[in-house]
């Protein structure tokens, strides 16, 4: 018994050893606080649109406008790879904090309407274009390769746990203080996050020996796309795009689905449950990263599909929330493991542009899913759209099963550094 307890303590200590890295703590703290505000904002914005219009078309349009600018993210990849990353992160937070204040200002001036909310959404997304690739490129510069899975796991667990809590609380806060007040809280979190990133010090990559002109920019842009085309990372991207399209469909009709079985608080709890499931999966990722990723993903997606469909079929608000929560656990495992694979297998000097290409592709399918879900919700029930989402998860498992390079993919911990594009 003592030996087992000692082993568990040692294992936990190993998983948390990455927290000894001060710069990682600054990055984690800043991102966590930003996620707190974003979780409140996302619930407030989508519910405010639904409250102002009562239409799933407008909630789908809102989600589309919030995601569509991300299509351009691949263009910033070469710039991120050459930029001072801590400065990029700081400026992104400052600009977003200013923009989010426009909605409370419109309410104060009695000019608040759905169009004001819809205009701010893409502006925030545009100002956030650099942040995602910059954060992904920053992590492997702060953490050794052998600790990337644990670092991603800690990062994912902390941020998604806060995101889940924020979304769960947001629905309750809306009922008491209104959605507009949550925008003010979000602005405050952007300010605190900017301070955290302001004291962050990220090692800069080795200076380039070539001038950075349009020709060089275009060549480096193509480098990021080539890595995806010529490696199994491209197949992983296709599966991830399928998952993100389905999530877009779900998010578009989720306010209507929540209104059918409850209200604003139910909407917040559903969003929180979806995030908590990913958190639990992220916690589990470091426990299963020694298993073959291919078969782990296939089995996980099948289980996720069954649980998702069960949540729709079994009546009652509590069973629905619980089953949807558990259905996201395999997704959390998948996300952390695949991210660690990419961060290890893609050379550091290419990581920013490859991540930007992936983000752009994701931001094509998510808005498409949001629009598709919003339109479908006008013609068929929200429950039917949710069922289609569960079937889609099963099809993702079949994709991994039918593609040999995915089905036979090795454990994340055995992936060689620079394997997807190294010399």
Protein backbone atom coordinates (compact mmCIF):
# COMPACT_ATOMS: atom_id res chain seq x y z
CA UNK A 1 0.00 0.00 0.00
CA UNK A 2 2.80 2.41 0.90
CA UNK A 3 4.61 1.58 -2.33
CA UNK A 4 1.47 2.16 -4.42
CA UNK A 5 0.81 5.48 -2.70
CA UNK A 6 4.44 6.48 -3.18
CA UNK A 7 4.30 5.58 -6.88
CA UNK A 8 1.14 7.62 -7.34
CA UNK A 9 2.71 10.58 -5.57
CA UNK A 10 5.81 10.30 -7.76
CA UNK A 11 3.66 10.07 -10.92
CA UNK A 12 1.67 13.16 -9.92
CA UNK A 13 4.87 15.02 -9.13
CA UNK A 14 6.24 14.14 -12.56
CA UNK A 15 3.09 15.44 -14.28
CA UNK A 16 3.25 18.74 -12.37
CA UNK A 17 7.02 19.21 -12.68
CA UNK A 18 6.49 21.49 -15.66
CA UNK A 19 4.98 24.07 -13.27
CA UNK A 20 8.48 24.68 -11.91
CA UNK A 21 9.14 26.56 -15.14
CA UNK A 22 8.44 30.21 -14.28
CA UNK A 23 7.87 31.34 -17.85
CA UNK A 24 5.43 28.48 -18.41
CA UNK A 25 3.54 29.66 -15.30
CA UNK A 26 3.29 33.20 -16.72
CA UNK A 27 1.94 31.81 -20.00
CA UNK A 28 -0.46 29.49 -18.20
CA UNK A 29 -1.72 32.22 -15.86
CA UNK A 30 -2.29 34.72 -18.66
CA UNK A 31 -4.08 32.21 -20.85
CA UNK A 32 -6.21 30.95 -17.96
CA UNK A 33 -7.42 34.45 -17.05
CA UNK A 34 -8.12 35.20 -20.70
CA UNK A 35 -10.15 31.99 -20.97
CA UNK A 36 -12.14 33.01 -17.90
CA UNK A 37 -13.26 36.20 -19.61
CA UNK A 38 -13.79 34.50 -22.95
CA UNK A 39 -16.02 31.86 -21.36
CA UNK A 40 -18.25 34.58 -19.94
CA UNK A 41 -18.16 36.50 -23.22
CA UNK A 42 -19.05 33.53 -25.43
CA UNK A 43 -22.15 32.69 -23.40
CA UNK A 44 -23.15 36.33 -23.10
CA UNK A 45 -22.73 37.09 -26.81
CA UNK A 46 -24.58 34.05 -28.15
CA UNK A 47 -27.38 34.35 -25.61
CA UNK A 48 -27.68 38.10 -26.20
CA UNK A 49 -28.12 37.47 -29.93
CA UNK A 50 -30.74 34.78 -29.27
CA UNK A 51 -32.48 37.05 -26.73
CA UNK A 52 -32.60 39.98 -29.16
CA UNK A 53 -33.86 37.92 -32.11
CA UNK A 54 -35.21 34.54 -30.92
CA UNK A 55 -33.75 33.02 -34.11
CA UNK A 56 -31.30 30.13 -34.60
CA UNK A 57 -30.37 31.74 -37.92
CA UNK A 58 -28.97 34.75 -36.09
CA UNK A 59 -27.14 32.61 -33.52
CA UNK A 60 -25.63 30.67 -36.42
CA UNK A 61 -24.73 33.94 -38.16
CA UNK A 62 -23.20 35.26 -34.93
CA UNK A 63 -21.03 32.18 -34.60
CA UNK A 64 -20.06 32.46 -38.26
CA UNK A 65 -18.98 36.09 -37.88
CA UNK A 66 -16.97 35.24 -34.76
CA UNK A 67 -15.12 32.41 -36.50
CA UNK A 68 -14.87 33.37 -40.19
CA UNK A 69 -11.98 35.88 -39.86
CA UNK A 70 -9.86 33.01 -38.56
CA UNK A 71 -9.72 31.73 -42.15
CA UNK A 72 -7.01 34.36 -42.70
CA UNK A 73 -4.86 33.01 -39.89
CA UNK A 74 -2.56 31.07 -42.21
CA UNK A 75 -1.35 34.42 -43.57
CA UNK A 76 0.14 35.39 -40.20
CA UNK A 77 2.10 32.15 -39.74
CA UNK A 78 5.41 33.31 -41.27
CA UNK A 79 5.11 36.58 -39.35
CA UNK A 80 4.57 34.76 -36.04
CA UNK A 81 7.61 32.54 -36.65
CA UNK A 82 9.78 35.66 -36.92
CA UNK A 83 8.05 37.83 -34.31
CA UNK A 84 8.85 38.42 -30.66
CA UNK A 85 6.09 36.18 -29.34
CA UNK A 86 5.61 37.78 -25.92
CA UNK A 87 5.03 41.14 -27.60
CA UNK A 88 2.49 39.64 -30.00
CA UNK A 89 0.56 38.07 -27.11
CA UNK A 90 0.54 41.33 -25.12
CA UNK A 91 -0.72 43.54 -27.96
CA UNK A 92 -3.43 41.05 -28.91
CA UNK A 93 -4.92 41.20 -25.41
CA UNK A 94 -4.83 45.00 -25.27
CA UNK A 95 -6.68 45.41 -28.57
CA UNK A 96 -9.32 42.82 -27.67
CA UNK A 97 -9.91 44.46 -24.31
CA UNK A 98 -10.66 47.76 -26.01
CA UNK A 99 -13.01 46.20 -28.57
CA UNK A 100 -15.08 44.25 -26.06
CA UNK A 101 -15.95 47.50 -24.27
CA UNK A 102 -17.92 48.67 -27.32
CA UNK A 103 -20.99 46.65 -26.35
CA UNK A 104 -21.37 48.15 -22.83
CA UNK A 105 -20.77 51.55 -24.41
CA UNK A 106 -23.55 50.93 -26.96
CA UNK A 107 -25.89 49.88 -24.14
CA UNK A 108 -24.99 52.99 -22.13
CA UNK A 109 -25.81 55.18 -25.16
CA UNK A 110 -29.09 53.28 -25.78
CA UNK A 111 -27.86 52.06 -29.17
CA UNK A 112 -27.56 48.35 -28.35
CA UNK A 113 -29.07 46.03 -30.94
CA UNK A 114 -28.21 42.71 -32.56
CA UNK A 115 -26.22 44.44 -35.30
CA UNK A 116 -23.87 46.03 -32.78
CA UNK A 117 -23.19 42.63 -31.25
CA UNK A 118 -22.64 41.09 -34.70
CA UNK A 119 -20.20 43.85 -35.74
CA UNK A 120 -18.00 43.45 -32.66
CA UNK A 121 -17.69 39.66 -33.07
CA UNK A 122 -15.56 39.65 -36.26
CA UNK A 123 -13.51 42.61 -35.03
CA UNK A 124 -12.53 40.62 -31.95
CA UNK A 125 -11.74 37.61 -34.11
CA UNK A 126 -9.49 39.67 -36.40
CA UNK A 127 -7.59 41.08 -33.43
CA UNK A 128 -7.10 37.53 -32.17
CA UNK A 129 -5.55 36.18 -35.39
CA UNK A 130 -1.99 36.30 -34.07
CA UNK A 131 -2.72 35.01 -30.56
CA UNK A 132 -3.45 31.35 -31.33
CA UNK A 133 -0.37 30.59 -33.46
CA UNK A 134 1.77 32.67 -31.10
CA UNK A 135 0.69 30.64 -28.07
CA UNK A 136 1.23 27.32 -29.87
CA UNK A 137 4.68 28.45 -31.01
CA UNK A 138 5.55 29.74 -27.53
CA UNK A 139 4.94 26.53 -25.58
CA UNK A 140 7.69 24.38 -27.19
CA UNK A 141 10.15 27.26 -26.74
CA UNK A 142 9.50 27.17 -23.00
CA UNK A 143 9.19 23.40 -22.43
CA UNK A 144 11.46 20.47 -23.37
CA UNK A 145 10.14 17.96 -25.94
CA UNK A 146 9.82 15.13 -23.43
CA UNK A 147 7.52 17.24 -21.27
CA UNK A 148 5.26 18.55 -24.03
CA UNK A 149 2.45 16.05 -23.46
CA UNK A 150 2.39 16.88 -19.73
CA UNK A 151 2.68 20.61 -20.46
CA UNK A 152 -0.20 20.45 -22.92
CA UNK A 153 -2.19 18.38 -20.45
CA UNK A 154 -1.67 20.88 -17.62
CA UNK A 155 -2.35 23.76 -20.00
CA UNK A 156 -5.52 22.16 -21.33
CA UNK A 157 -6.83 21.08 -17.94
CA UNK A 158 -6.30 24.48 -16.31
CA UNK A 159 -7.72 26.55 -19.13
CA UNK A 160 -10.65 24.28 -19.93
CA UNK A 161 -11.56 23.86 -16.27
CA UNK A 162 -11.76 27.63 -15.96
CA UNK A 163 -13.67 27.80 -19.25
CA UNK A 164 -16.19 25.25 -18.00
CA UNK A 165 -16.64 27.09 -14.71
CA UNK A 166 -17.05 30.41 -16.51
CA UNK A 167 -19.69 29.04 -18.87
CA UNK A 168 -21.57 27.36 -16.05
CA UNK A 169 -21.60 30.54 -13.98
CA UNK A 170 -22.32 32.77 -16.99
CA UNK A 171 -25.83 31.41 -17.49
CA UNK A 172 -26.67 32.11 -13.86
CA UNK A 173 -25.12 35.60 -13.98
CA UNK A 174 -27.10 36.48 -17.10
CA UNK A 175 -30.31 35.73 -15.23
CA UNK A 176 -29.32 38.14 -12.42
CA UNK A 177 -27.21 40.94 -13.91
CA UNK A 178 -27.69 40.62 -17.69
CA UNK A 179 -25.44 39.68 -20.57
CA UNK A 180 -23.99 43.17 -21.12
CA UNK A 181 -22.40 43.21 -17.65
CA UNK A 182 -20.36 40.13 -18.57
CA UNK A 183 -18.71 42.14 -21.34
CA UNK A 184 -17.29 44.45 -18.66
CA UNK A 185 -15.86 41.48 -16.78
CA UNK A 186 -14.31 40.19 -20.00
CA UNK A 187 -12.62 43.57 -20.58
CA UNK A 188 -11.10 43.34 -17.11
CA UNK A 189 -9.69 39.88 -17.78
CA UNK A 190 -8.06 41.10 -21.00
CA UNK A 191 -6.29 43.79 -18.95
CA UNK A 192 -4.97 41.31 -16.39
CA UNK A 193 -3.88 38.90 -19.13
CA UNK A 194 -1.98 41.69 -20.89
CA UNK A 195 -0.02 42.26 -17.68
CA UNK A 196 0.90 38.54 -17.47
CA UNK A 197 2.06 38.46 -21.08
CA UNK A 198 3.86 41.75 -20.57
CA UNK A 199 6.25 40.11 -18.09
CA UNK A 200 6.61 36.94 -20.18
CA UNK A 201 10.03 36.37 -21.76
CA UNK A 202 10.03 33.98 -24.73
CA UNK A 203 13.36 32.92 -26.30
CA UNK A 204 13.58 34.39 -29.78
CA UNK A 205 14.43 32.06 -32.65
CA UNK A 206 17.83 32.34 -34.31
CA UNK A 207 18.03 35.40 -36.50
CA UNK A 208 17.34 34.80 -40.19
CA UNK A 209 20.19 35.17 -42.66
CA UNK A 210 17.82 36.12 -45.51
CA UNK A 211 15.85 39.30 -45.99
CA UNK A 212 12.13 38.99 -45.33
CA UNK A 213 10.53 40.18 -48.56
CA UNK A 214 7.37 39.12 -50.40
CA UNK A 215 9.13 36.22 -52.11
CA UNK A 216 10.46 34.88 -48.80
CA UNK A 217 7.07 35.34 -47.18
CA UNK A 218 5.34 33.37 -49.94
CA UNK A 219 7.95 30.60 -49.77
CA UNK A 220 7.62 30.28 -46.00
CA UNK A 221 3.84 30.27 -46.30
CA UNK A 222 4.07 27.33 -48.70
CA UNK A 223 6.45 25.53 -46.32
CA UNK A 224 3.67 25.30 -43.72
CA UNK A 225 1.21 23.90 -46.26
CA UNK A 226 3.79 21.44 -47.61
CA UNK A 227 4.39 19.93 -44.17
CA UNK A 228 0.69 19.10 -43.91
CA UNK A 229 0.44 17.70 -47.44
CA UNK A 230 3.53 15.50 -47.21
CA UNK A 231 2.99 14.01 -43.74
CA UNK A 232 0.34 12.17 -41.75
CA UNK A 233 -0.40 15.52 -40.12
CA UNK A 234 -2.59 16.28 -43.13
CA UNK A 235 -4.77 13.25 -42.41
CA UNK A 236 -4.99 14.28 -38.75
CA UNK A 237 -6.09 17.72 -39.89
CA UNK A 238 -8.95 16.26 -41.96
CA UNK A 239 -10.28 14.35 -38.94
CA UNK A 240 -9.98 17.45 -36.77
CA UNK A 241 -11.84 19.51 -39.35
CA UNK A 242 -14.69 17.02 -39.26
CA UNK A 243 -14.83 17.37 -35.46
CA UNK A 244 -14.81 21.15 -35.62
CA UNK A 245 -17.53 21.26 -38.28
CA UNK A 246 -19.78 19.14 -36.04
CA UNK A 247 -19.05 21.37 -33.05
CA UNK A 248 -19.99 24.41 -35.14
CA UNK A 249 -23.33 22.81 -36.03
CA UNK A 250 -23.94 22.05 -32.35
CA UNK A 251 -23.04 25.52 -31.09
CA UNK A 252 -25.44 27.15 -33.55
CA UNK A 253 -28.51 25.32 -32.26
CA UNK A 254 -27.42 24.90 -28.63
CA UNK A 255 -29.26 28.04 -27.37
CA UNK A 256 -32.50 26.74 -28.92
CA UNK A 257 -31.86 23.24 -27.57
CA UNK A 258 -31.21 24.69 -24.12
CA UNK A 259 -34.32 26.88 -24.28
CA UNK A 260 -36.36 23.78 -25.11
CA UNK A 261 -35.23 21.89 -22.00
CA UNK A 262 -34.54 24.82 -19.64
CA UNK A 263 -33.29 28.38 -20.17
CA UNK A 264 -30.19 30.57 -19.97
CA UNK A 265 -28.85 28.62 -17.00
CA UNK A 266 -29.27 25.36 -18.93
CA UNK A 267 -27.38 26.84 -21.86
CA UNK A 268 -24.50 27.74 -19.55
CA UNK A 269 -24.54 24.28 -17.97
CA UNK A 270 -24.52 22.56 -21.37
CA UNK A 271 -21.54 24.62 -22.51
CA UNK A 272 -19.83 23.96 -19.18
CA UNK A 273 -20.50 20.24 -19.49
CA UNK A 274 -19.01 20.08 -22.98
CA UNK A 275 -15.89 21.80 -21.66
CA UNK A 276 -15.65 19.73 -18.46
CA UNK A 277 -15.65 16.57 -20.56
CA UNK A 278 -12.67 17.87 -22.51
CA UNK A 279 -10.97 18.76 -19.20
CA UNK A 280 -11.40 15.21 -17.91
CA UNK A 281 -9.99 13.89 -21.15
CA UNK A 282 -7.05 16.28 -20.94
CA UNK A 283 -6.30 15.04 -17.41
CA UNK A 284 -6.33 11.47 -18.70
CA UNK A 285 -4.13 12.18 -21.71
CA UNK A 286 -0.81 11.81 -19.87
CA UNK A 287 -2.01 8.47 -18.49
CA UNK A 288 -2.62 6.97 -21.92
CA UNK A 289 0.04 8.69 -24.06
CA UNK A 290 1.99 5.41 -24.12
CA UNK A 291 -0.82 3.71 -26.10
CA UNK A 292 -1.02 3.67 -29.93
CA UNK A 293 -2.78 6.89 -30.87
CA UNK A 294 -4.56 5.32 -33.83
CA UNK A 295 -6.55 2.69 -31.95
CA UNK A 296 -6.98 4.99 -28.95
CA UNK A 297 -8.66 7.56 -31.18
CA UNK A 298 -10.87 5.03 -32.99
CA UNK A 299 -12.17 3.51 -29.76
CA UNK A 300 -12.58 6.90 -28.15
CA UNK A 301 -14.63 8.36 -30.99
CA UNK A 302 -16.95 5.33 -31.07
CA UNK A 303 -17.61 5.69 -27.33
CA UNK A 304 -18.13 9.43 -27.73
CA UNK A 305 -20.72 8.87 -30.46
CA UNK A 306 -22.71 6.37 -28.38
CA UNK A 307 -22.74 8.64 -25.33
CA UNK A 308 -23.70 11.70 -27.39
CA UNK A 309 -26.66 9.93 -28.97
CA UNK A 310 -27.69 8.57 -25.56
CA UNK A 311 -27.83 12.13 -24.23
CA UNK A 312 -30.41 13.05 -26.86
CA UNK A 313 -32.50 9.87 -26.60
CA UNK A 314 -32.69 9.59 -22.78
CA UNK A 315 -35.17 12.17 -21.41
CA UNK A 316 -34.36 14.63 -18.60
CA UNK A 317 -32.10 17.66 -18.31
CA UNK A 318 -29.63 16.09 -15.86
CA UNK A 319 -28.99 12.89 -17.91
CA UNK A 320 -28.57 15.01 -21.04
CA UNK A 321 -25.95 17.26 -19.44
CA UNK A 322 -24.09 14.34 -17.83
CA UNK A 323 -23.95 12.17 -20.95
CA UNK A 324 -22.88 15.06 -23.17
CA UNK A 325 -20.16 15.82 -20.63
CA UNK A 326 -18.80 12.27 -20.60
CA UNK A 327 -18.99 12.06 -24.40
CA UNK A 328 -16.34 14.79 -24.64
CA UNK A 329 -13.71 12.91 -22.60
CA UNK A 330 -12.28 11.08 -25.65
CA UNK A 331 -12.18 14.39 -27.51
CA UNK A 332 -10.05 15.88 -24.73
CA UNK A 333 -7.61 12.96 -24.88
CA UNK A 334 -7.43 13.21 -28.66
CA UNK A 335 -6.83 16.99 -28.65
CA UNK A 336 -3.94 16.89 -26.17
CA UNK A 337 -2.23 13.90 -27.77
CA UNK A 338 -2.48 15.19 -31.34
CA UNK A 339 -1.28 18.63 -30.28
CA UNK A 340 1.75 17.09 -28.55
CA UNK A 341 2.47 15.03 -31.68
CA UNK A 342 2.41 18.14 -33.87
CA UNK A 343 4.52 20.21 -31.47
CA UNK A 344 7.12 17.43 -31.35
CA UNK A 345 7.12 16.28 -34.98
CA UNK A 346 7.01 19.73 -36.60
CA UNK A 347 10.34 21.61 -36.42
CA UNK A 348 10.17 24.69 -34.17
CA UNK A 349 11.05 27.04 -37.01
CA UNK A 350 7.97 25.83 -38.92
CA UNK A 351 5.54 25.47 -36.04
CA UNK A 352 4.02 28.94 -36.17
CA UNK A 353 3.15 28.81 -39.86
CA UNK A 354 1.90 25.19 -39.73
CA UNK A 355 -0.26 25.99 -36.71
CA UNK A 356 -1.60 29.05 -38.53
CA UNK A 357 -2.53 26.93 -41.57
CA UNK A 358 -4.34 24.46 -39.29
CA UNK A 359 -6.14 27.31 -37.54
CA UNK A 360 -7.21 28.80 -40.87
CA UNK A 361 -8.58 25.47 -42.05
CA UNK A 362 -10.42 25.06 -38.76
CA UNK A 363 -11.86 28.52 -39.10
CA UNK A 364 -13.27 27.61 -42.49
CA UNK A 365 -15.21 24.59 -41.29
CA UNK A 366 -16.40 25.94 -37.93
CA UNK A 367 -18.22 28.94 -39.48
CA UNK A 368 -19.60 26.60 -42.16
CA UNK A 369 -20.89 24.34 -39.40
CA UNK A 370 -22.40 27.29 -37.55
CA UNK A 371 -24.23 28.51 -40.64
CA UNK A 372 -25.35 24.98 -41.51
CA UNK A 373 -26.60 24.37 -37.97
CA UNK A 374 -28.37 27.72 -37.84
CA UNK A 375 -30.21 27.09 -41.11
CA UNK A 376 -31.08 23.50 -40.20
CA UNK A 377 -32.47 24.71 -36.88
CA UNK A 378 -35.00 26.83 -38.77
CA UNK A 379 -36.42 23.78 -40.58
CA UNK A 380 -35.93 20.78 -38.28
CA UNK A 381 -35.85 20.40 -34.52
CA UNK A 382 -32.70 21.14 -32.54
CA UNK A 383 -32.81 17.55 -31.24
CA UNK A 384 -32.56 16.22 -34.81
CA UNK A 385 -29.52 18.40 -35.47
CA UNK A 386 -27.90 17.08 -32.28
CA UNK A 387 -28.50 13.48 -33.42
CA UNK A 388 -26.77 14.25 -36.72
CA UNK A 389 -23.79 15.49 -34.71
CA UNK A 390 -23.54 12.18 -32.84
CA UNK A 391 -23.58 10.24 -36.09
CA UNK A 392 -20.83 12.50 -37.41
CA UNK A 393 -18.56 11.59 -34.49
CA UNK A 394 -18.93 7.92 -35.42
CA UNK A 395 -17.93 8.74 -39.00
CA UNK A 396 -14.74 10.33 -37.66
CA UNK A 397 -13.85 7.02 -36.01
CA UNK A 398 -14.42 5.27 -39.33
CA UNK A 399 -12.09 7.72 -41.06
CA UNK A 400 -9.25 6.90 -38.64
CA UNK A 401 -9.99 3.22 -39.11
CA UNK A 402 -9.89 3.35 -42.91
CA UNK A 403 -6.70 5.45 -43.28
CA UNK A 404 -3.74 3.10 -42.65
CA UNK A 405 -1.29 5.81 -41.53
CA UNK A 406 -3.79 6.96 -38.89
CA UNK A 407 -4.92 3.50 -37.79
CA UNK A 408 -1.32 2.38 -37.21
CA UNK A 409 -0.08 5.65 -35.69
CA UNK A 410 2.35 5.17 -32.79
CA UNK A 411 2.06 6.47 -29.21
CA UNK A 412 2.65 10.25 -28.90
CA UNK A 413 5.62 9.72 -26.57
CA UNK A 414 7.55 7.80 -29.25
CA UNK A 415 7.26 10.42 -32.01
CA UNK A 416 10.67 11.65 -33.17
CA UNK A 417 11.47 15.35 -32.92
CA UNK A 418 11.10 17.04 -36.31
CA UNK A 419 9.62 13.94 -37.94
CA UNK A 420 7.11 15.98 -39.97
CA UNK A 421 9.49 18.09 -41.98
CA UNK A 422 12.89 17.73 -40.36
CA UNK A 423 16.04 17.47 -42.39
